[in-house]
Amino acid sequence: MAGRAGARLPRVKALPLLLCSVLLCGCQDREARAENAALQARVTELEAQVRAMQGEQATALPADAQNVTERAAGQNCANALTRTLEVFREDSLDDRYPSAAQTQLPAECVDFRVNWVARSERAYTFTVTDGSGRELARQSGGAPTAAPASGG
């Protein structure tokens, strides 16, 4: 029987070690689960914030950004046309602006409509509008012709 008692002794010593390792694993599992739950809550909160920001961006920025871009492009067209008119006047012998037939719109104005408000050899005023007719820019140049002075 002495042989059997000796065989049980190592098992008895192993039992407390086994219990300790199970308890440690249990503690670690609870801590890990708590950390995972906290991380999952934080991820969920951040995902909600990202969705909210994307929703704001989709509704507010593109319309405003598109409006600003269209206005800038319209102003770019107006500036390019003004340069074209002024270069023509500077190069002309009689210091005049081009007639309608002599005016070529610059490439910057391809997607826009140029509306002449006033046009003469000495002055001009025009607007640049988009496809819907919304005014994007207005330019004037030259000196309006003066009314003849009345003598008396």
N, C-alpha and C. Protein backbone atom coordinates (compact mmCIF):
# COMPACT_ATOMS: atom_id res chain seq x y z
N MET A 1 0.79 -1.18 0.00
CA MET A 1 0.00 0.00 0.00
C MET A 1 0.84 1.26 0.00
N ALA A 2 2.00 1.09 0.41
CA ALA A 2 2.88 2.25 0.45
C ALA A 2 3.08 2.77 -0.96
N GLY A 3 3.06 1.89 -1.95
CA GLY A 3 3.23 2.31 -3.33
C GLY A 3 2.07 3.17 -3.80
N ARG A 4 0.89 2.79 -3.37
CA ARG A 4 -0.29 3.55 -3.77
C ARG A 4 -0.33 4.90 -3.11
N ALA A 5 0.03 5.04 -1.89
CA ALA A 5 0.01 6.31 -1.19
C ALA A 5 0.99 7.26 -1.83
N GLY A 6 2.12 6.72 -2.27
CA GLY A 6 3.11 7.57 -2.93
C GLY A 6 2.59 8.08 -4.26
N ALA A 7 1.75 7.31 -4.94
CA ALA A 7 1.22 7.71 -6.24
C ALA A 7 0.17 8.80 -6.07
N ARG A 8 -0.56 8.80 -4.96
CA ARG A 8 -1.59 9.81 -4.72
C ARG A 8 -0.99 11.14 -4.31
N LEU A 9 0.10 11.11 -3.69
CA LEU A 9 0.70 12.33 -3.17
C LEU A 9 0.97 13.35 -4.28
N PRO A 10 1.57 12.97 -5.41
CA PRO A 10 1.79 13.98 -6.46
C PRO A 10 0.48 14.53 -7.00
N ARG A 11 -0.56 13.74 -7.07
CA ARG A 11 -1.84 14.24 -7.55
C ARG A 11 -2.40 15.28 -6.60
N VAL A 12 -2.26 15.08 -5.35
CA VAL A 12 -2.78 16.01 -4.35
C VAL A 12 -2.05 17.34 -4.46
N LYS A 13 -0.74 17.32 -4.72
CA LYS A 13 0.01 18.55 -4.88
C LYS A 13 -0.37 19.25 -6.19
N ALA A 14 -0.73 18.48 -7.19
CA ALA A 14 -1.08 19.06 -8.48
C ALA A 14 -2.46 19.71 -8.44
N LEU A 15 -3.35 19.24 -7.59
CA LEU A 15 -4.71 19.77 -7.49
C LEU A 15 -4.72 21.26 -7.11
N PRO A 16 -3.96 21.69 -6.07
CA PRO A 16 -3.96 23.12 -5.76
C PRO A 16 -3.39 23.96 -6.91
N LEU A 17 -2.38 23.44 -7.59
CA LEU A 17 -1.83 24.18 -8.72
C LEU A 17 -2.86 24.32 -9.84
N LEU A 18 -3.59 23.25 -10.07
CA LEU A 18 -4.62 23.27 -11.09
C LEU A 18 -5.71 24.26 -10.72
N LEU A 19 -6.14 24.27 -9.45
CA LEU A 19 -7.16 25.21 -8.99
C LEU A 19 -6.68 26.66 -9.11
N CYS A 20 -5.41 26.88 -8.76
CA CYS A 20 -4.86 28.24 -8.86
C CYS A 20 -4.85 28.71 -10.31
N SER A 21 -4.46 27.84 -11.23
CA SER A 21 -4.41 28.25 -12.63
C SER A 21 -5.82 28.52 -13.17
N VAL A 22 -6.80 27.73 -12.75
CA VAL A 22 -8.18 27.95 -13.18
C VAL A 22 -8.68 29.28 -12.64
N LEU A 23 -8.39 29.57 -11.36
CA LEU A 23 -8.81 30.84 -10.77
C LEU A 23 -8.14 32.02 -11.47
N LEU A 24 -6.86 31.89 -11.77
CA LEU A 24 -6.15 32.97 -12.46
C LEU A 24 -6.74 33.19 -13.85
N CYS A 25 -7.02 32.11 -14.54
CA CYS A 25 -7.62 32.24 -15.88
C CYS A 25 -8.99 32.89 -15.78
N GLY A 26 -9.74 32.54 -14.75
CA GLY A 26 -11.06 33.14 -14.55
C GLY A 26 -10.95 34.63 -14.31
N CYS A 27 -9.98 35.04 -13.51
CA CYS A 27 -9.77 36.47 -13.26
C CYS A 27 -9.36 37.19 -14.54
N GLN A 28 -8.46 36.56 -15.25
CA GLN A 28 -8.00 37.18 -16.49
C GLN A 28 -9.15 37.28 -17.50
N ASP A 29 -9.99 36.26 -17.56
CA ASP A 29 -11.12 36.29 -18.48
C ASP A 29 -12.07 37.43 -18.12
N ARG A 30 -12.34 37.64 -16.84
CA ARG A 30 -13.24 38.74 -16.42
C ARG A 30 -12.63 40.09 -16.78
N GLU A 31 -11.34 40.24 -16.55
CA GLU A 31 -10.68 41.51 -16.87
C GLU A 31 -10.68 41.73 -18.39
N ALA A 32 -10.38 40.66 -19.11
CA ALA A 32 -10.35 40.78 -20.57
C ALA A 32 -11.74 41.10 -21.11
N ARG A 33 -12.77 40.46 -20.56
CA ARG A 33 -14.13 40.74 -21.00
C ARG A 33 -14.52 42.17 -20.69
N ALA A 34 -14.13 42.66 -19.52
CA ALA A 34 -14.44 44.04 -19.15
C ALA A 34 -13.72 45.02 -20.09
N GLU A 35 -12.45 44.75 -20.39
CA GLU A 35 -11.70 45.60 -21.30
C GLU A 35 -12.30 45.55 -22.71
N ASN A 36 -12.66 44.36 -23.17
CA ASN A 36 -13.28 44.22 -24.49
C ASN A 36 -14.61 44.96 -24.56
N ALA A 37 -15.40 44.87 -23.50
CA ALA A 37 -16.68 45.57 -23.48
C ALA A 37 -16.47 47.09 -23.52
N ALA A 38 -15.48 47.58 -22.77
CA ALA A 38 -15.19 49.02 -22.77
C ALA A 38 -14.70 49.46 -24.15
N LEU A 39 -13.84 48.65 -24.76
CA LEU A 39 -13.35 48.99 -26.10
C LEU A 39 -14.48 48.96 -27.12
N GLN A 40 -15.35 47.98 -27.02
CA GLN A 40 -16.48 47.89 -27.95
C GLN A 40 -17.40 49.09 -27.79
N ALA A 41 -17.63 49.52 -26.58
CA ALA A 41 -18.47 50.70 -26.35
C ALA A 41 -17.82 51.94 -26.95
N ARG A 42 -16.52 52.07 -26.80
CA ARG A 42 -15.80 53.22 -27.36
C ARG A 42 -15.84 53.20 -28.89
N VAL A 43 -15.65 52.02 -29.49
CA VAL A 43 -15.71 51.88 -30.94
C VAL A 43 -17.12 52.25 -31.44
N THR A 44 -18.14 51.80 -30.75
CA THR A 44 -19.51 52.11 -31.13
C THR A 44 -19.75 53.62 -31.06
N GLU A 45 -19.25 54.24 -30.01
CA GLU A 45 -19.40 55.70 -29.87
C GLU A 45 -18.68 56.44 -30.99
N LEU A 46 -17.46 56.02 -31.31
CA LEU A 46 -16.69 56.67 -32.39
C LEU A 46 -17.36 56.46 -33.75
N GLU A 47 -17.89 55.27 -33.98
CA GLU A 47 -18.59 55.01 -35.25
C GLU A 47 -19.82 55.92 -35.38
N ALA A 48 -20.53 56.14 -34.28
CA ALA A 48 -21.68 57.04 -34.31
C ALA A 48 -21.25 58.47 -34.61
N GLN A 49 -20.13 58.90 -34.03
CA GLN A 49 -19.63 60.24 -34.31
C GLN A 49 -19.22 60.38 -35.77
N VAL A 50 -18.59 59.37 -36.32
CA VAL A 50 -18.18 59.42 -37.73
C VAL A 50 -19.41 59.49 -38.62
N ARG A 51 -20.44 58.69 -38.34
CA ARG A 51 -21.66 58.73 -39.14
C ARG A 51 -22.31 60.10 -39.07
N ALA A 52 -22.33 60.70 -37.88
CA ALA A 52 -22.92 62.03 -37.72
C ALA A 52 -22.13 63.06 -38.52
N MET A 53 -20.81 62.98 -38.47
CA MET A 53 -19.99 63.93 -39.21
C MET A 53 -20.16 63.75 -40.71
N GLN A 54 -20.25 62.51 -41.16
CA GLN A 54 -20.45 62.26 -42.59
C GLN A 54 -21.81 62.78 -43.03
N GLY A 55 -22.80 62.65 -42.18
CA GLY A 55 -24.13 63.17 -42.50
C GLY A 55 -24.13 64.68 -42.62
N GLU A 56 -23.44 65.36 -41.71
CA GLU A 56 -23.33 66.82 -41.77
C GLU A 56 -22.58 67.23 -43.02
N GLN A 57 -21.49 66.54 -43.32
CA GLN A 57 -20.67 66.88 -44.47
C GLN A 57 -21.46 66.68 -45.76
N ALA A 58 -22.23 65.60 -45.84
CA ALA A 58 -22.98 65.31 -47.05
C ALA A 58 -24.07 66.35 -47.29
N THR A 59 -24.65 66.90 -46.23
CA THR A 59 -25.74 67.84 -46.41
C THR A 59 -25.28 69.28 -46.51
N ALA A 60 -24.24 69.68 -45.79
CA ALA A 60 -23.87 71.09 -45.74
C ALA A 60 -22.76 71.45 -46.72
N LEU A 61 -21.68 70.74 -46.72
CA LEU A 61 -20.51 71.18 -47.48
C LEU A 61 -20.66 71.10 -48.99
N PRO A 62 -21.12 70.02 -49.57
CA PRO A 62 -21.12 69.97 -51.03
C PRO A 62 -21.92 71.10 -51.69
N ALA A 63 -23.08 71.44 -51.17
CA ALA A 63 -23.86 72.52 -51.77
C ALA A 63 -23.10 73.82 -51.66
N ASP A 64 -22.55 74.10 -50.49
CA ASP A 64 -21.80 75.33 -50.30
C ASP A 64 -20.53 75.34 -51.14
N ALA A 65 -19.82 74.23 -51.13
CA ALA A 65 -18.59 74.14 -51.90
C ALA A 65 -18.89 74.27 -53.39
N GLN A 66 -19.96 73.66 -53.84
CA GLN A 66 -20.32 73.76 -55.25
C GLN A 66 -20.68 75.20 -55.61
N ASN A 67 -21.41 75.88 -54.74
CA ASN A 67 -21.78 77.28 -54.96
C ASN A 67 -20.53 78.15 -55.06
N VAL A 68 -19.61 77.97 -54.13
CA VAL A 68 -18.36 78.75 -54.14
C VAL A 68 -17.55 78.46 -55.40
N THR A 69 -17.48 77.20 -55.78
CA THR A 69 -16.73 76.81 -56.97
C THR A 69 -17.35 77.42 -58.23
N GLU A 70 -18.68 77.39 -58.35
CA GLU A 70 -19.34 77.97 -59.51
C GLU A 70 -19.12 79.48 -59.58
N ARG A 71 -19.21 80.14 -58.44
CA ARG A 71 -18.98 81.60 -58.42
C ARG A 71 -17.54 81.93 -58.81
N ALA A 72 -16.60 81.15 -58.30
CA ALA A 72 -15.20 81.39 -58.64
C ALA A 72 -14.95 81.16 -60.13
N ALA A 73 -15.55 80.12 -60.68
CA ALA A 73 -15.38 79.85 -62.11
C ALA A 73 -16.04 80.94 -62.94
N GLY A 74 -17.19 81.44 -62.51
CA GLY A 74 -17.84 82.55 -63.20
C GLY A 74 -16.99 83.81 -63.15
N GLN A 75 -16.39 84.08 -62.00
CA GLN A 75 -15.52 85.25 -61.87
C GLN A 75 -14.27 85.08 -62.73
N ASN A 76 -13.77 83.86 -62.82
CA ASN A 76 -12.62 83.58 -63.67
C ASN A 76 -12.96 83.87 -65.13
N CYS A 77 -14.15 83.48 -65.57
CA CYS A 77 -14.62 83.77 -66.92
C CYS A 77 -14.67 85.29 -67.13
N ALA A 78 -15.27 86.01 -66.17
CA ALA A 78 -15.40 87.47 -66.28
C ALA A 78 -14.02 88.13 -66.36
N ASN A 79 -13.09 87.68 -65.55
CA ASN A 79 -11.74 88.25 -65.57
C ASN A 79 -11.05 87.99 -66.92
N ALA A 80 -11.20 86.77 -67.43
CA ALA A 80 -10.57 86.43 -68.71
C ALA A 80 -11.18 87.25 -69.84
N LEU A 81 -12.50 87.44 -69.83
CA LEU A 81 -13.14 88.24 -70.87
C LEU A 81 -12.72 89.71 -70.76
N THR A 82 -12.61 90.22 -69.55
CA THR A 82 -12.15 91.59 -69.36
C THR A 82 -10.74 91.76 -69.92
N ARG A 83 -9.85 90.80 -69.64
CA ARG A 83 -8.49 90.85 -70.20
C ARG A 83 -8.53 90.88 -71.73
N THR A 84 -9.37 90.03 -72.31
CA THR A 84 -9.50 89.97 -73.76
C THR A 84 -9.95 91.33 -74.31
N LEU A 85 -10.96 91.93 -73.69
CA LEU A 85 -11.47 93.22 -74.15
C LEU A 85 -10.43 94.33 -74.01
N GLU A 86 -9.73 94.32 -72.88
CA GLU A 86 -8.73 95.37 -72.64
C GLU A 86 -7.52 95.22 -73.56
N VAL A 87 -7.10 94.00 -73.85
CA VAL A 87 -5.98 93.78 -74.77
C VAL A 87 -6.38 94.27 -76.16
N PHE A 88 -7.60 93.97 -76.58
CA PHE A 88 -8.07 94.44 -77.88
C PHE A 88 -8.03 95.97 -77.93
N ARG A 89 -8.56 96.62 -76.89
CA ARG A 89 -8.59 98.09 -76.84
C ARG A 89 -7.18 98.66 -76.90
N GLU A 90 -6.27 98.09 -76.12
CA GLU A 90 -4.89 98.60 -76.10
C GLU A 90 -4.20 98.43 -77.45
N ASP A 91 -4.55 97.37 -78.17
CA ASP A 91 -3.93 97.10 -79.46
C ASP A 91 -4.61 97.84 -80.62
N SER A 92 -5.81 98.37 -80.38
CA SER A 92 -6.52 99.03 -81.48
C SER A 92 -5.96 100.43 -81.70
N LEU A 93 -6.03 100.88 -82.94
CA LEU A 93 -5.50 102.20 -83.28
C LEU A 93 -6.37 103.32 -82.73
N ASP A 94 -7.68 103.07 -82.64
CA ASP A 94 -8.58 104.12 -82.18
C ASP A 94 -9.05 103.92 -80.73
N ASP A 95 -8.34 103.09 -79.96
CA ASP A 95 -8.59 102.90 -78.53
C ASP A 95 -10.04 102.53 -78.23
N ARG A 96 -10.53 101.51 -78.94
CA ARG A 96 -11.92 101.09 -78.77
C ARG A 96 -11.99 99.62 -78.40
N TYR A 97 -13.15 99.23 -77.87
CA TYR A 97 -13.40 97.84 -77.54
C TYR A 97 -13.92 97.12 -78.78
N PRO A 98 -13.80 95.79 -78.84
CA PRO A 98 -14.26 95.07 -80.03
C PRO A 98 -15.78 95.07 -80.15
N SER A 99 -16.23 94.95 -81.38
CA SER A 99 -17.67 94.82 -81.62
C SER A 99 -18.07 93.38 -81.25
N ALA A 100 -19.36 93.12 -81.30
CA ALA A 100 -19.84 91.77 -80.98
C ALA A 100 -19.22 90.74 -81.94
N ALA A 101 -19.12 91.10 -83.21
CA ALA A 101 -18.57 90.18 -84.20
C ALA A 101 -17.07 89.95 -83.99
N GLN A 102 -16.39 90.92 -83.40
CA GLN A 102 -14.94 90.80 -83.19
C GLN A 102 -14.59 90.14 -81.86
N THR A 103 -15.56 89.95 -81.01
CA THR A 103 -15.31 89.41 -79.67
C THR A 103 -15.35 87.89 -79.70
N GLN A 104 -14.29 87.30 -79.21
CA GLN A 104 -14.26 85.85 -79.03
C GLN A 104 -14.19 85.57 -77.53
N LEU A 105 -15.13 84.76 -77.06
CA LEU A 105 -15.13 84.44 -75.64
C LEU A 105 -13.95 83.54 -75.31
N PRO A 106 -13.29 83.79 -74.19
CA PRO A 106 -12.16 82.93 -73.80
C PRO A 106 -12.64 81.54 -73.39
N ALA A 107 -11.72 80.62 -73.35
CA ALA A 107 -12.04 79.22 -72.99
C ALA A 107 -12.66 79.12 -71.60
N GLU A 108 -12.31 80.03 -70.72
CA GLU A 108 -12.85 80.00 -69.34
C GLU A 108 -14.36 80.21 -69.32
N CYS A 109 -14.93 80.70 -70.42
CA CYS A 109 -16.37 81.01 -70.45
C CYS A 109 -17.21 79.94 -71.14
N VAL A 110 -16.61 78.81 -71.48
CA VAL A 110 -17.32 77.78 -72.24
C VAL A 110 -18.60 77.32 -71.55
N ASP A 111 -18.58 77.11 -70.26
CA ASP A 111 -19.75 76.58 -69.55
C ASP A 111 -20.69 77.65 -69.04
N PHE A 112 -20.48 78.90 -69.43
CA PHE A 112 -21.27 80.00 -68.90
C PHE A 112 -21.91 80.80 -70.03
N ARG A 113 -22.85 81.65 -69.64
CA ARG A 113 -23.50 82.55 -70.58
C ARG A 113 -23.04 83.97 -70.25
N VAL A 114 -22.60 84.70 -71.27
CA VAL A 114 -22.20 86.09 -71.10
C VAL A 114 -23.34 86.95 -71.62
N ASN A 115 -23.85 87.82 -70.77
CA ASN A 115 -24.96 88.70 -71.11
C ASN A 115 -24.45 90.14 -71.14
N TRP A 116 -24.60 90.80 -72.27
CA TRP A 116 -24.13 92.19 -72.40
C TRP A 116 -25.20 93.12 -71.89
N VAL A 117 -24.90 93.85 -70.84
CA VAL A 117 -25.82 94.83 -70.27
C VAL A 117 -25.69 96.14 -71.04
N ALA A 118 -24.47 96.55 -71.31
CA ALA A 118 -24.17 97.75 -72.09
C ALA A 118 -22.91 97.46 -72.88
N ARG A 119 -22.91 97.97 -74.13
CA ARG A 119 -21.74 97.71 -74.97
C ARG A 119 -21.61 98.81 -76.00
N SER A 120 -20.43 99.41 -76.01
CA SER A 120 -20.14 100.42 -77.03
C SER A 120 -18.65 100.35 -77.33
N GLU A 121 -18.20 101.23 -78.19
CA GLU A 121 -16.77 101.25 -78.52
C GLU A 121 -15.94 101.75 -77.34
N ARG A 122 -16.56 102.46 -76.41
CA ARG A 122 -15.82 103.08 -75.31
C ARG A 122 -16.09 102.47 -73.93
N ALA A 123 -17.10 101.64 -73.81
CA ALA A 123 -17.44 101.07 -72.50
C ALA A 123 -18.21 99.76 -72.66
N TYR A 124 -18.22 99.00 -71.61
CA TYR A 124 -18.98 97.75 -71.61
C TYR A 124 -19.38 97.41 -70.18
N THR A 125 -20.43 96.64 -70.08
CA THR A 125 -20.86 96.00 -68.83
C THR A 125 -21.46 94.67 -69.23
N PHE A 126 -21.05 93.63 -68.57
CA PHE A 126 -21.61 92.31 -68.85
C PHE A 126 -21.75 91.53 -67.56
N THR A 127 -22.59 90.51 -67.63
CA THR A 127 -22.74 89.58 -66.51
C THR A 127 -22.41 88.19 -67.01
N VAL A 128 -22.01 87.35 -66.09
CA VAL A 128 -21.77 85.94 -66.38
C VAL A 128 -22.78 85.15 -65.55
N THR A 129 -23.55 84.28 -66.22
CA THR A 129 -24.56 83.50 -65.51
C THR A 129 -24.33 82.01 -65.75
N ASP A 130 -24.88 81.22 -64.84
CA ASP A 130 -24.80 79.76 -65.03
C ASP A 130 -25.97 79.30 -65.89
N GLY A 131 -26.12 78.01 -66.06
CA GLY A 131 -27.17 77.46 -66.91
C GLY A 131 -28.57 77.80 -66.47
N SER A 132 -28.75 78.04 -65.18
CA SER A 132 -30.08 78.37 -64.68
C SER A 132 -30.35 79.87 -64.70
N GLY A 133 -29.37 80.67 -65.15
CA GLY A 133 -29.57 82.11 -65.22
C GLY A 133 -29.13 82.87 -63.98
N ARG A 134 -28.55 82.18 -63.02
CA ARG A 134 -28.09 82.83 -61.79
C ARG A 134 -26.80 83.60 -62.09
N GLU A 135 -26.80 84.89 -61.71
CA GLU A 135 -25.63 85.73 -61.97
C GLU A 135 -24.48 85.32 -61.06
N LEU A 136 -23.32 85.07 -61.68
CA LEU A 136 -22.14 84.68 -60.94
C LEU A 136 -21.13 85.80 -60.84
N ALA A 137 -21.09 86.68 -61.84
CA ALA A 137 -20.12 87.78 -61.85
C ALA A 137 -20.64 88.90 -62.75
N ARG A 138 -20.12 90.10 -62.50
CA ARG A 138 -20.46 91.28 -63.30
C ARG A 138 -19.19 92.10 -63.46
N GLN A 139 -18.94 92.59 -64.68
CA GLN A 139 -17.76 93.40 -64.94
C GLN A 139 -18.16 94.60 -65.80
N SER A 140 -17.47 95.69 -65.57
CA SER A 140 -17.63 96.91 -66.37
C SER A 140 -16.26 97.45 -66.70
N GLY A 141 -16.17 98.17 -67.81
CA GLY A 141 -14.91 98.78 -68.16
C GLY A 141 -15.12 99.96 -69.08
N GLY A 142 -14.10 100.75 -69.22
CA GLY A 142 -14.15 101.90 -70.10
C GLY A 142 -14.85 103.08 -69.44
N ALA A 143 -15.10 104.06 -70.26
CA ALA A 143 -15.79 105.27 -69.78
C ALA A 143 -17.06 105.43 -70.57
N PRO A 144 -18.21 105.53 -69.88
CA PRO A 144 -19.44 105.72 -70.62
C PRO A 144 -19.39 107.02 -71.42
N THR A 145 -20.01 107.01 -72.56
CA THR A 145 -19.99 108.21 -73.39
C THR A 145 -20.75 109.32 -72.69
N ALA A 146 -20.14 110.47 -72.64
CA ALA A 146 -20.75 111.61 -71.96
C ALA A 146 -21.81 112.22 -72.85
N ALA A 147 -22.84 112.72 -72.22
CA ALA A 147 -23.90 113.40 -72.96
C ALA A 147 -23.35 114.74 -73.45
N PRO A 148 -23.74 115.13 -74.65
CA PRO A 148 -23.23 116.42 -75.16
C PRO A 148 -23.63 117.56 -74.25
N ALA A 149 -22.72 118.46 -74.05
CA ALA A 149 -23.00 119.61 -73.19
C ALA A 149 -23.92 120.58 -73.93
N SER A 150 -24.88 121.09 -73.21
CA SER A 150 -25.80 122.05 -73.84
C SER A 150 -25.22 123.45 -73.70
N GLY A 151 -25.22 124.16 -74.76
CA GLY A 151 -24.66 125.52 -74.74
C GLY A 151 -25.72 126.54 -74.44
N GLY A 152 -25.36 127.60 -73.84
CA GLY A 152 -26.40 128.54 -73.57
C GLY A 152 -25.93 129.82 -73.28
